[in-house]
Every structure is written in structure tokens, then in C-alpha cells.
PDB file of N, CA and C in Angstrom:
ATOM      1  N   MET A   1      65.871 -85.274  11.200  1.00  0.00           N
ATOM      2  CA  MET A   1      66.560 -85.598   9.964  1.00  0.00           C
ATOM      3  C   MET A   1      66.821 -87.093   9.910  1.00  0.00           C
ATOM      4  N   LYS A   2      66.950 -87.582   8.714  1.00  0.00           N
ATOM      5  CA  LYS A   2      67.138 -89.013   8.521  1.00  0.00           C
ATOM      6  C   LYS A   2      68.509 -89.256   7.900  1.00  0.00           C
ATOM      7  N   TYR A   3      69.303 -90.090   8.536  1.00  0.00           N
ATOM      8  CA  TYR A   3      70.640 -90.417   8.055  1.00  0.00           C
ATOM      9  C   TYR A   3      70.756 -91.929   7.903  1.00  0.00           C
ATOM     10  N   TRP A   4      71.636 -92.379   7.048  1.00  0.00           N
ATOM     11  CA  TRP A   4      71.845 -93.813   6.871  1.00  0.00           C
ATOM     12  C   TRP A   4      72.624 -94.395   8.036  1.00  0.00           C
ATOM     13  N   ARG A   5      73.316 -93.539   8.773  1.00  0.00           N
ATOM     14  CA  ARG A   5      73.981 -93.945  10.012  1.00  0.00           C
ATOM     15  C   ARG A   5      73.953 -92.747  10.945  1.00  0.00           C
ATOM     16  N   LYS A   6      74.142 -92.969  12.216  1.00  0.00           N
ATOM     17  CA  LYS A   6      74.119 -91.868  13.181  1.00  0.00           C
ATOM     18  C   LYS A   6      75.454 -91.126  13.131  1.00  0.00           C
ATOM     19  N   PRO A   7      75.449 -89.830  12.768  1.00  0.00           N
ATOM     20  CA  PRO A   7      76.694 -89.057  12.739  1.00  0.00           C
ATOM     21  C   PRO A   7      77.263 -88.880  14.149  1.00  0.00           C
ATOM     22  N   LEU A   8      78.588 -88.843  14.248  1.00  0.00           N
ATOM     23  CA  LEU A   8      79.234 -88.667  15.544  1.00  0.00           C
ATOM     24  C   LEU A   8      78.957 -87.286  16.128  1.00  0.00           C
ATOM     25  N   ASP A   9      78.748 -86.304  15.255  1.00  0.00           N
ATOM     26  CA  ASP A   9      78.495 -84.934  15.716  1.00  0.00           C
ATOM     27  C   ASP A   9      77.024 -84.551  15.548  1.00  0.00           C
ATOM     28  N   LEU A  10      76.116 -85.481  15.787  1.00  0.00           N
ATOM     29  CA  LEU A  10      74.691 -85.263  15.582  1.00  0.00           C
ATOM     30  C   LEU A  10      74.167 -84.054  16.364  1.00  0.00           C
ATOM     31  N   ALA A  11      74.675 -83.828  17.555  1.00  0.00           N
ATOM     32  CA  ALA A  11      74.207 -82.711  18.383  1.00  0.00           C
ATOM     33  C   ALA A  11      74.571 -81.351  17.777  1.00  0.00           C
ATOM     34  N   LYS A  12      75.620 -81.306  16.950  1.00  0.00           N
ATOM     35  CA  LYS A  12      76.066 -80.045  16.362  1.00  0.00           C
ATOM     36  C   LYS A  12      75.408 -79.737  15.016  1.00  0.00           C
ATOM     37  N   ILE A  13      74.778 -80.727  14.414  1.00  0.00           N
ATOM     38  CA  ILE A  13      74.183 -80.550  13.090  1.00  0.00           C
ATOM     39  C   ILE A  13      72.887 -79.765  13.205  1.00  0.00           C
ATOM     40  N   ARG A  14      72.763 -78.749  12.367  1.00  0.00           N
ATOM     41  CA  ARG A  14      71.513 -78.002  12.315  1.00  0.00           C
ATOM     42  C   ARG A  14      71.027 -78.008  10.873  1.00  0.00           C
ATOM     43  N   GLU A  15      69.745 -78.146  10.722  1.00  0.00           N
ATOM     44  CA  GLU A  15      69.149 -78.175   9.397  1.00  0.00           C
ATOM     45  C   GLU A  15      68.941 -76.749   8.907  1.00  0.00           C
ATOM     46  N   SER A  16      69.356 -76.481   7.702  1.00  0.00           N
ATOM     47  CA  SER A  16      69.202 -75.162   7.115  1.00  0.00           C
ATOM     48  C   SER A  16      67.723 -74.868   6.873  1.00  0.00           C
ATOM     49  N   ARG A  17      67.334 -73.637   7.079  1.00  0.00           N
ATOM     50  CA  ARG A  17      65.966 -73.200   6.812  1.00  0.00           C
ATOM     51  C   ARG A  17      66.003 -72.034   5.846  1.00  0.00           C
ATOM     52  N   GLY A  18      64.968 -71.925   5.038  1.00  0.00           N
ATOM     53  CA  GLY A  18      64.933 -70.867   4.034  1.00  0.00           C
ATOM     54  C   GLY A  18      63.645 -70.085   4.060  1.00  0.00           C
ATOM     55  N   LYS A  19      63.677 -68.972   3.349  1.00  0.00           N
ATOM     56  CA  LYS A  19      62.504 -68.124   3.168  1.00  0.00           C
ATOM     57  C   LYS A  19      62.332 -67.948   1.665  1.00  0.00           C
ATOM     58  N   VAL A  20      61.209 -68.370   1.139  1.00  0.00           N
ATOM     59  CA  VAL A  20      60.949 -68.304  -0.296  1.00  0.00           C
ATOM     60  C   VAL A  20      60.423 -66.925  -0.652  1.00  0.00           C
ATOM     61  N   VAL A  21      61.005 -66.327  -1.695  1.00  0.00           N
ATOM     62  CA  VAL A  21      60.591 -65.012  -2.178  1.00  0.00           C
ATOM     63  C   VAL A  21      60.152 -65.165  -3.630  1.00  0.00           C
ATOM     64  N   LEU A  22      58.955 -64.702  -3.929  1.00  0.00           N
ATOM     65  CA  LEU A  22      58.410 -64.768  -5.276  1.00  0.00           C
ATOM     66  C   LEU A  22      58.263 -63.356  -5.832  1.00  0.00           C
ATOM     67  N   ILE A  23      58.801 -63.123  -7.006  1.00  0.00           N
ATOM     68  CA  ILE A  23      58.612 -61.851  -7.701  1.00  0.00           C
ATOM     69  C   ILE A  23      57.384 -62.050  -8.589  1.00  0.00           C
ATOM     70  N   GLU A  24      56.234 -61.664  -8.086  1.00  0.00           N
ATOM     71  CA  GLU A  24      54.954 -62.001  -8.690  1.00  0.00           C
ATOM     72  C   GLU A  24      54.819 -61.538 -10.138  1.00  0.00           C
ATOM     73  N   ASP A  25      55.286 -60.347 -10.457  1.00  0.00           N
ATOM     74  CA  ASP A  25      55.092 -59.813 -11.800  1.00  0.00           C
ATOM     75  C   ASP A  25      55.969 -60.486 -12.855  1.00  0.00           C
ATOM     76  N   ARG A  26      56.992 -61.211 -12.446  1.00  0.00           N
ATOM     77  CA  ARG A  26      57.820 -61.963 -13.397  1.00  0.00           C
ATOM     78  C   ARG A  26      57.255 -63.344 -13.688  1.00  0.00           C
ATOM     79  N   CYS A  27      56.465 -63.872 -12.774  1.00  0.00           N
ATOM     80  CA  CYS A  27      55.985 -65.255 -12.846  1.00  0.00           C
ATOM     81  C   CYS A  27      55.005 -65.445 -14.000  1.00  0.00           C
ATOM     82  N   LYS A  28      55.174 -66.546 -14.727  1.00  0.00           N
ATOM     83  CA  LYS A  28      54.251 -66.900 -15.815  1.00  0.00           C
ATOM     84  C   LYS A  28      53.428 -68.134 -15.469  1.00  0.00           C
ATOM     85  N   GLY A  29      53.470 -68.557 -14.226  1.00  0.00           N
ATOM     86  CA  GLY A  29      52.610 -69.635 -13.759  1.00  0.00           C
ATOM     87  C   GLY A  29      52.903 -71.003 -14.342  1.00  0.00           C
ATOM     88  N   CYS A  30      54.147 -71.281 -14.671  1.00  0.00           N
ATOM     89  CA  CYS A  30      54.489 -72.581 -15.275  1.00  0.00           C
ATOM     90  C   CYS A  30      54.312 -73.732 -14.293  1.00  0.00           C
ATOM     91  N   GLY A  31      54.497 -73.466 -13.008  1.00  0.00           N
ATOM     92  CA  GLY A  31      54.292 -74.480 -11.986  1.00  0.00           C
ATOM     93  C   GLY A  31      55.472 -75.402 -11.727  1.00  0.00           C
ATOM     94  N   PHE A  32      56.613 -75.161 -12.369  1.00  0.00           N
ATOM     95  CA  PHE A  32      57.781 -76.006 -12.139  1.00  0.00           C
ATOM     96  C   PHE A  32      58.198 -75.992 -10.672  1.00  0.00           C
ATOM     97  N   CYS A  33      58.194 -74.823 -10.066  1.00  0.00           N
ATOM     98  CA  CYS A  33      58.612 -74.705  -8.663  1.00  0.00           C
ATOM     99  C   CYS A  33      57.677 -75.492  -7.745  1.00  0.00           C
ATOM    100  N   VAL A  34      56.395 -75.478  -8.055  1.00  0.00           N
ATOM    101  CA  VAL A  34      55.411 -76.199  -7.249  1.00  0.00           C
ATOM    102  C   VAL A  34      55.571 -77.703  -7.436  1.00  0.00           C
ATOM    103  N   GLU A  35      55.695 -78.121  -8.679  1.00  0.00           N
ATOM    104  CA  GLU A  35      55.754 -79.548  -9.015  1.00  0.00           C
ATOM    105  C   GLU A  35      56.997 -80.238  -8.456  1.00  0.00           C
ATOM    106  N   TYR A  36      58.139 -79.554  -8.507  1.00  0.00           N
ATOM    107  CA  TYR A  36      59.404 -80.214  -8.179  1.00  0.00           C
ATOM    108  C   TYR A  36      60.008 -79.816  -6.835  1.00  0.00           C
ATOM    109  N   CYS A  37      59.308 -79.045  -6.027  1.00  0.00           N
ATOM    110  CA  CYS A  37      59.817 -78.706  -4.694  1.00  0.00           C
ATOM    111  C   CYS A  37      59.906 -79.984  -3.866  1.00  0.00           C
ATOM    112  N   PRO A  38      61.099 -80.320  -3.357  1.00  0.00           N
ATOM    113  CA  PRO A  38      61.245 -81.579  -2.617  1.00  0.00           C
ATOM    114  C   PRO A  38      60.509 -81.598  -1.281  1.00  0.00           C
ATOM    115  N   ARG A  39      60.113 -80.443  -0.776  1.00  0.00           N
ATOM    116  CA  ARG A  39      59.454 -80.383   0.528  1.00  0.00           C
ATOM    117  C   ARG A  39      58.000 -79.917   0.438  1.00  0.00           C
ATOM    118  N   ASP A  40      57.456 -79.752  -0.759  1.00  0.00           N
ATOM    119  CA  ASP A  40      56.071 -79.295  -0.967  1.00  0.00           C
ATOM    120  C   ASP A  40      55.769 -77.994  -0.227  1.00  0.00           C
ATOM    121  N   VAL A  41      56.661 -77.038  -0.386  1.00  0.00           N
ATOM    122  CA  VAL A  41      56.520 -75.737   0.262  1.00  0.00           C
ATOM    123  C   VAL A  41      55.518 -74.854  -0.482  1.00  0.00           C
ATOM    124  N   LEU A  42      55.366 -75.066  -1.788  1.00  0.00           N
ATOM    125  CA  LEU A  42      54.541 -74.197  -2.629  1.00  0.00           C
ATOM    126  C   LEU A  42      53.304 -74.910  -3.148  1.00  0.00           C
ATOM    127  N   THR A  43      52.309 -74.118  -3.522  1.00  0.00           N
ATOM    128  CA  THR A  43      51.120 -74.610  -4.203  1.00  0.00           C
ATOM    129  C   THR A  43      50.663 -73.534  -5.177  1.00  0.00           C
ATOM    130  N   MET A  44      49.942 -73.933  -6.209  1.00  0.00           N
ATOM    131  CA  MET A  44      49.396 -72.945  -7.133  1.00  0.00           C
ATOM    132  C   MET A  44      48.183 -72.300  -6.471  1.00  0.00           C
ATOM    133  N   SER A  45      48.136 -70.991  -6.490  1.00  0.00           N
ATOM    134  CA  SER A  45      47.038 -70.266  -5.857  1.00  0.00           C
ATOM    135  C   SER A  45      46.022 -69.828  -6.908  1.00  0.00           C
ATOM    136  N   SER A  46      44.957 -69.259  -6.459  1.00  0.00           N
ATOM    137  CA  SER A  46      43.956 -68.715  -7.380  1.00  0.00           C
ATOM    138  C   SER A  46      44.198 -67.233  -7.639  1.00  0.00           C
ATOM    139  N   THR A  47      45.305 -66.715  -7.126  1.00  0.00           N
ATOM    140  CA  THR A  47      45.673 -65.317  -7.302  1.00  0.00           C
ATOM    141  C   THR A  47      46.328 -65.111  -8.663  1.00  0.00           C
ATOM    142  N   PHE A  48      46.029 -63.988  -9.283  1.00  0.00           N
ATOM    143  CA  PHE A  48      46.609 -63.636 -10.575  1.00  0.00           C
ATOM    144  C   PHE A  48      47.570 -62.464 -10.415  1.00  0.00           C
ATOM    145  N   ASN A  49      48.607 -62.428 -11.253  1.00  0.00           N
ATOM    146  CA  ASN A  49      49.508 -61.282 -11.254  1.00  0.00           C
ATOM    147  C   ASN A  49      49.051 -60.280 -12.315  1.00  0.00           C
ATOM    148  N   LYS A  50      49.822 -59.215 -12.551  1.00  0.00           N
ATOM    149  CA  LYS A  50      49.447 -58.173 -13.511  1.00  0.00           C
ATOM    150  C   LYS A  50      49.291 -58.707 -14.930  1.00  0.00           C
ATOM    151  N   LYS A  51      50.032 -59.756 -15.253  1.00  0.00           N
ATOM    152  CA  LYS A  51      49.978 -60.326 -16.603  1.00  0.00           C
ATOM    153  C   LYS A  51      48.827 -61.310 -16.779  1.00  0.00           C
ATOM    154  N   GLY A  52      48.141 -61.647 -15.697  1.00  0.00           N
ATOM    155  CA  GLY A  52      47.000 -62.556 -15.767  1.00  0.00           C
ATOM    156  C   GLY A  52      47.334 -64.012 -15.537  1.00  0.00           C
ATOM    157  N   TYR A  53      48.531 -64.305 -15.033  1.00  0.00           N
ATOM    158  CA  TYR A  53      48.929 -65.690 -14.758  1.00  0.00           C
ATOM    159  C   TYR A  53      48.642 -66.051 -13.304  1.00  0.00           C
ATOM    160  N   ASN A  54      48.235 -67.307 -13.083  1.00  0.00           N
ATOM    161  CA  ASN A  54      48.135 -67.811 -11.716  1.00  0.00           C
ATOM    162  C   ASN A  54      49.539 -67.952 -11.161  1.00  0.00           C
ATOM    163  N   ILE A  55      49.719 -67.524  -9.942  1.00  0.00           N
ATOM    164  CA  ILE A  55      51.050 -67.570  -9.335  1.00  0.00           C
ATOM    165  C   ILE A  55      51.068 -68.554  -8.171  1.00  0.00           C
ATOM    166  N   PRO A  56      52.232 -69.081  -7.848  1.00  0.00           N
ATOM    167  CA  PRO A  56      52.328 -69.979  -6.691  1.00  0.00           C
ATOM    168  C   PRO A  56      52.224 -69.209  -5.377  1.00  0.00           C
ATOM    169  N   ALA A  57      51.888 -69.931  -4.349  1.00  0.00           N
ATOM    170  CA  ALA A  57      51.817 -69.367  -3.007  1.00  0.00           C
ATOM    171  C   ALA A  57      52.607 -70.263  -2.065  1.00  0.00           C
ATOM    172  N   VAL A  58      53.233 -69.651  -1.089  1.00  0.00           N
ATOM    173  CA  VAL A  58      53.989 -70.391  -0.077  1.00  0.00           C
ATOM    174  C   VAL A  58      53.002 -70.875   0.985  1.00  0.00           C
ATOM    175  N   ILE A  59      52.949 -72.194   1.196  1.00  0.00           N
ATOM    176  CA  ILE A  59      52.015 -72.714   2.193  1.00  0.00           C
ATOM    177  C   ILE A  59      52.709 -73.324   3.404  1.00  0.00           C
ATOM    178  N   HIS A  60      53.936 -73.812   3.222  1.00  0.00           N
ATOM    179  CA  HIS A  60      54.663 -74.451   4.330  1.00  0.00           C
ATOM    180  C   HIS A  60      56.085 -73.885   4.397  1.00  0.00           C
ATOM    181  N   GLU A  61      56.210 -72.604   4.672  1.00  0.00           N
ATOM    182  CA  GLU A  61      57.529 -71.974   4.666  1.00  0.00           C
ATOM    183  C   GLU A  61      58.472 -72.591   5.691  1.00  0.00           C
ATOM    184  N   SER A  62      57.947 -73.098   6.777  1.00  0.00           N
ATOM    185  CA  SER A  62      58.805 -73.690   7.811  1.00  0.00           C
ATOM    186  C   SER A  62      59.479 -74.971   7.333  1.00  0.00           C
ATOM    187  N   GLN A  63      58.982 -75.572   6.248  1.00  0.00           N
ATOM    188  CA  GLN A  63      59.580 -76.793   5.719  1.00  0.00           C
ATOM    189  C   GLN A  63      60.672 -76.519   4.687  1.00  0.00           C
ATOM    190  N   CYS A  64      60.845 -75.281   4.270  1.00  0.00           N
ATOM    191  CA  CYS A  64      61.858 -74.936   3.270  1.00  0.00           C
ATOM    192  C   CYS A  64      63.256 -75.154   3.851  1.00  0.00           C
ATOM    193  N   VAL A  65      64.084 -75.892   3.113  1.00  0.00           N
ATOM    194  CA  VAL A  65      65.445 -76.169   3.562  1.00  0.00           C
ATOM    195  C   VAL A  65      66.492 -75.373   2.773  1.00  0.00           C
ATOM    196  N   ASN A  66      66.038 -74.376   2.045  1.00  0.00           N
ATOM    197  CA  ASN A  66      66.930 -73.464   1.322  1.00  0.00           C
ATOM    198  C   ASN A  66      67.815 -74.208   0.313  1.00  0.00           C
ATOM    199  N   CYS A  67      67.198 -75.123  -0.432  1.00  0.00           N
ATOM    200  CA  CYS A  67      67.956 -75.921  -1.405  1.00  0.00           C
ATOM    201  C   CYS A  67      68.174 -75.180  -2.719  1.00  0.00           C
ATOM    202  N   HIS A  68      67.441 -74.111  -2.958  1.00  0.00           N
ATOM    203  CA  HIS A  68      67.541 -73.280  -4.166  1.00  0.00           C
ATOM    204  C   HIS A  68      67.095 -74.012  -5.428  1.00  0.00           C
ATOM    205  N   PHE A  69      66.405 -75.130  -5.299  1.00  0.00           N
ATOM    206  CA  PHE A  69      65.965 -75.876  -6.473  1.00  0.00           C
ATOM    207  C   PHE A  69      64.923 -75.089  -7.259  1.00  0.00           C
ATOM    208  N   CYS A  70      64.073 -74.338  -6.563  1.00  0.00           N
ATOM    209  CA  CYS A  70      63.072 -73.517  -7.241  1.00  0.00           C
ATOM    210  C   CYS A  70      63.746 -72.461  -8.123  1.00  0.00           C
ATOM    211  N   GLU A  71      64.849 -71.912  -7.649  1.00  0.00           N
ATOM    212  CA  GLU A  71      65.601 -70.922  -8.440  1.00  0.00           C
ATOM    213  C   GLU A  71      66.155 -71.537  -9.713  1.00  0.00           C
ATOM    214  N   VAL A  72      66.690 -72.727  -9.587  1.00  0.00           N
ATOM    215  CA  VAL A  72      67.303 -73.401 -10.729  1.00  0.00           C
ATOM    216  C   VAL A  72      66.256 -73.718 -11.794  1.00  0.00           C
ATOM    217  N   LEU A  73      65.068 -74.119 -11.377  1.00  0.00           N
ATOM    218  CA  LEU A  73      64.030 -74.527 -12.310  1.00  0.00           C
ATOM    219  C   LEU A  73      63.281 -73.376 -12.969  1.00  0.00           C
ATOM    220  N   CYS A  74      63.191 -72.240 -12.322  1.00  0.00           N
ATOM    221  CA  CYS A  74      62.356 -71.141 -12.818  1.00  0.00           C
ATOM    222  C   CYS A  74      62.932 -70.533 -14.097  1.00  0.00           C
ATOM    223  N   PRO A  75      62.201 -70.633 -15.214  1.00  0.00           N
ATOM    224  CA  PRO A  75      62.698 -70.073 -16.468  1.00  0.00           C
ATOM    225  C   PRO A  75      62.635 -68.548 -16.516  1.00  0.00           C
ATOM    226  N   ASP A  76      61.884 -67.942 -15.604  1.00  0.00           N
ATOM    227  CA  ASP A  76      61.698 -66.490 -15.604  1.00  0.00           C
ATOM    228  C   ASP A  76      62.428 -65.775 -14.466  1.00  0.00           C
ATOM    229  N   PHE A  77      63.217 -66.503 -13.688  1.00  0.00           N
ATOM    230  CA  PHE A  77      63.948 -65.937 -12.547  1.00  0.00           C
ATOM    231  C   PHE A  77      62.997 -65.192 -11.612  1.00  0.00           C
ATOM    232  N   ALA A  78      61.840 -65.806 -11.355  1.00  0.00           N
ATOM    233  CA  ALA A  78      60.802 -65.155 -10.568  1.00  0.00           C
ATOM    234  C   ALA A  78      60.759 -65.617  -9.117  1.00  0.00           C
ATOM    235  N   ILE A  79      61.606 -66.555  -8.744  1.00  0.00           N
ATOM    236  CA  ILE A  79      61.556 -67.092  -7.389  1.00  0.00           C
ATOM    237  C   ILE A  79      62.980 -67.352  -6.896  1.00  0.00           C
ATOM    238  N   TYR A  80      63.189 -67.137  -5.617  1.00  0.00           N
ATOM    239  CA  TYR A  80      64.475 -67.455  -4.998  1.00  0.00           C
ATOM    240  C   TYR A  80      64.262 -67.690  -3.514  1.00  0.00           C
ATOM    241  N   SER A  81      65.260 -68.236  -2.869  1.00  0.00           N
ATOM    242  CA  SER A  81      65.159 -68.460  -1.435  1.00  0.00           C
ATOM    243  C   SER A  81      66.362 -67.852  -0.732  1.00  0.00           C
ATOM    244  N   LEU A  82      66.103 -67.411   0.467  1.00  0.00           N
ATOM    245  CA  LEU A  82      67.122 -66.805   1.313  1.00  0.00           C
ATOM    246  C   LEU A  82      67.253 -67.642   2.578  1.00  0.00           C
ATOM    247  N   GLU A  83      68.407 -67.592   3.189  1.00  0.00           N
ATOM    248  CA  GLU A  83      68.565 -68.284   4.467  1.00  0.00           C
ATOM    249  C   GLU A  83      67.735 -67.562   5.509  1.00  0.00           C
ATOM    250  N   ALA A  84      66.915 -68.314   6.212  1.00  0.00           N
ATOM    251  CA  ALA A  84      66.037 -67.733   7.228  1.00  0.00           C
ATOM    252  C   ALA A  84      66.870 -67.212   8.404  1.00  0.00           C
ATOM    253  N   LYS A  85      66.460 -66.122   8.953  1.00  0.00           N
ATOM    254  CA  LYS A  85      67.138 -65.529  10.102  1.00  0.00           C
ATOM    255  C   LYS A  85      66.979 -66.414  11.331  1.00  0.00           C
ATOM    256  N   GLY A  86      68.027 -66.466  12.121  1.00  0.00           N
ATOM    257  CA  GLY A  86      67.972 -67.216  13.365  1.00  0.00           C
ATOM    258  C   GLY A  86      68.202 -68.695  13.223  1.00  0.00           C
ATOM    259  N   THR A  87      68.708 -69.123  12.051  1.00  0.00           N
ATOM    260  CA  THR A  87      68.972 -70.549  11.881  1.00  0.00           C
ATOM    261  C   THR A  87      70.435 -70.811  11.798  1.00  0.00           C
TER     262      THR A  87
END
């Protein structure tokens, strides 16, 4: 992690990790989650859902910091993140 100064409790700080969950049938392939993910966890795939839209795919799940930004941006409530187990 990068800080502007070294925290006194640096040894105790742990970075949050997340697990991205996509509800494929709700997704309309707008790409907001892919475009604005701060950690580039998602990419648009060549896979289609039942409605015929291209859906995003998780490519770097280990980089997800569980910021929930994808949830905030999604107009269809088709994506969310959960805190990863063991973190």
C-alpha cells in the first residue's frame, strides 16, 4: 500500500479484499463497472446473457479492494462485491 507518510500502526493495517458478484441476467452491458473500476478487476467479455448483451468478466479478483464503486455505478443493480473470506 502507498501512504503519504508511514503510519505508526503499519504492521496492524490490512488491506480489504473483495469478491465481485455479477447477476448476469440483469446486466445490460453498459460497461460502467469495467470503465471506472479503480483496480481494473473487470473486462468486457465475449459472453452474452439471456437478453443478448455482452457482460463483464472478472479477470483480476485478487486486486478487488471491496470499494463497492461498481455497485454505485451500475444502473441495473447487476453487480456487487462482498468481503472476501479470510481477510
